[in-house]
Amino acid sequence: MKNKGFTLMELLGSITILALIALIVFPAILNMLGDSQSKIDKAKQDYVISAAREYVKDNDLEVNTTISIDVDILIKKNYLKENMIDEEMTNDSVTCTKIDGTITYKYNEESD
């Protein structure tokens, strides 16, 4: 009679190899997910800065030194779509600073 199947040693060896592969791959996957989330957050901040830039341009706002534009205002004035940003971002702001004729924009997170 011919034996079909694996021996106990073959099964244990296979499980050990799979466990080692999982130990190597799992941290790498977690790291990639963390990097992806930070890239998403940065893209959302750039989206808010772009909306603030349009808000300043459309409303002919005078930026003499520094002004602050709340994200909530950008949403209410339809420069941002609320579903495109995280809910906790609605309390953040963008600081517009004019230095030597050039306006710079900086995203500011709300301090807890």
Protein backbone atom coordinates (compact mmCIF):
# COMPACT_ATOMS: atom_id res chain seq x y z
CA MET A 1 0.00 0.00 0.00
CA LYS A 2 1.36 3.36 -1.03
CA ASN A 3 1.32 6.14 1.62
CA LYS A 4 -0.24 9.36 0.43
CA GLY A 5 0.27 12.56 2.35
CA PHE A 6 2.96 14.21 4.38
CA THR A 7 4.86 12.98 7.39
CA LEU A 8 4.73 14.87 10.65
CA MET A 9 8.26 16.18 10.11
CA GLU A 10 7.40 17.50 6.65
CA LEU A 11 4.34 19.30 8.04
CA LEU A 12 6.32 20.82 10.92
CA GLY A 13 9.05 21.93 8.53
CA SER A 14 6.52 23.57 6.23
CA ILE A 15 4.82 25.36 9.12
CA THR A 16 8.19 26.58 10.42
CA ILE A 17 9.16 27.97 7.02
CA LEU A 18 5.79 29.72 6.65
CA ALA A 19 6.14 31.21 10.14
CA LEU A 20 9.60 32.57 9.31
CA ILE A 21 8.33 34.11 6.09
CA ALA A 22 5.44 35.73 8.01
CA LEU A 23 7.87 37.14 10.59
CA ILE A 24 9.88 38.78 7.83
CA VAL A 25 6.99 40.04 5.70
CA PHE A 26 4.56 41.26 8.39
CA PRO A 27 6.71 44.17 9.71
CA ALA A 28 7.45 45.27 6.15
CA ILE A 29 3.72 45.40 5.35
CA LEU A 30 2.99 47.40 8.52
CA ASN A 31 5.76 49.83 7.59
CA MET A 32 4.34 50.29 4.10
CA LEU A 33 0.87 50.96 5.54
CA GLY A 34 2.28 53.59 7.90
CA ASP A 35 4.14 55.29 5.05
CA SER A 36 0.99 55.28 2.94
CA GLN A 37 -1.02 56.96 5.70
CA SER A 38 1.56 59.74 6.12
CA LYS A 39 1.52 60.33 2.35
CA ILE A 40 -2.28 60.55 2.42
CA ASP A 41 -2.15 63.06 5.29
CA LYS A 42 0.41 65.18 3.40
CA ALA A 43 -1.75 65.12 0.26
CA LYS A 44 -4.78 66.28 2.26
CA GLN A 45 -2.75 69.13 3.75
CA ASP A 46 -1.60 70.15 0.26
CA TYR A 47 -5.25 70.10 -0.83
CA VAL A 48 -6.16 72.49 2.00
CA ILE A 49 -3.24 74.80 1.16
CA SER A 50 -4.34 74.87 -2.48
CA ALA A 51 -7.86 75.82 -1.40
CA ALA A 52 -6.48 78.59 0.82
CA ARG A 53 -4.41 79.89 -2.09
CA GLU A 54 -7.56 80.05 -4.25
CA TYR A 55 -9.50 81.72 -1.42
CA VAL A 56 -6.89 84.48 -1.11
CA LYS A 57 -6.78 84.95 -4.89
CA ASP A 58 -10.56 84.96 -5.44
CA ASN A 59 -11.30 87.36 -2.59
CA ASP A 60 -8.40 89.73 -3.34
CA LEU A 61 -7.26 89.48 0.25
CA GLU A 62 -4.43 91.77 1.20
CA VAL A 63 -1.67 89.80 2.85
CA ASN A 64 0.45 92.55 4.36
CA THR A 65 2.31 90.40 6.87
CA THR A 66 0.42 87.32 8.09
CA ILE A 67 -3.17 86.13 7.98
CA SER A 68 -4.72 82.88 9.12
CA ILE A 69 -7.48 81.07 7.26
CA ASP A 70 -9.45 78.40 9.09
CA VAL A 71 -10.23 75.16 7.28
CA ASP A 72 -13.82 75.47 8.50
CA ILE A 73 -14.17 78.74 6.57
CA LEU A 74 -12.81 77.11 3.41
CA ILE A 75 -15.46 74.41 3.75
CA LYS A 76 -18.29 76.91 4.35
CA LYS A 77 -17.21 78.99 1.33
CA ASN A 78 -17.08 75.83 -0.84
CA TYR A 79 -13.34 75.90 -1.45
CA LEU A 80 -13.06 72.48 0.17
CA LYS A 81 -15.29 69.46 0.07
CA GLU A 82 -15.82 68.18 3.57
CA ASN A 83 -15.70 64.55 2.48
CA MET A 84 -12.17 65.05 1.06
CA ILE A 85 -10.58 65.79 4.44
CA ASP A 86 -10.65 64.23 7.88
CA GLU A 87 -13.15 65.55 10.40
CA GLU A 88 -10.42 66.57 12.86
CA MET A 89 -8.87 68.79 10.16
CA THR A 90 -11.82 71.22 10.33
CA ASN A 91 -10.23 72.91 13.37
CA ASP A 92 -6.88 73.44 11.60
CA SER A 93 -5.78 76.52 9.69
CA VAL A 94 -3.46 77.80 6.98
CA THR A 95 -1.11 80.69 7.69
CA CYS A 96 -0.41 83.01 4.76
CA THR A 97 2.74 85.09 5.17
CA LYS A 98 4.04 87.73 2.80
CA ILE A 99 7.81 88.09 2.69
CA ASP A 100 9.51 90.25 0.05
CA GLY A 101 6.40 90.23 -2.15
CA THR A 102 6.02 86.44 -2.07
CA ILE A 103 3.17 84.79 -0.20
CA THR A 104 3.97 81.50 1.52
CA TYR A 105 1.36 79.10 2.86
CA LYS A 106 1.82 76.84 5.87
CA TYR A 107 -0.60 74.25 7.19
CA ASN A 108 -1.15 74.45 10.97
CA GLU A 109 -2.63 71.60 12.95
CA GLU A 110 -4.77 72.42 15.97
CA SER A 111 -2.88 71.99 19.21
CA ASP A 112 -4.47 69.72 21.77
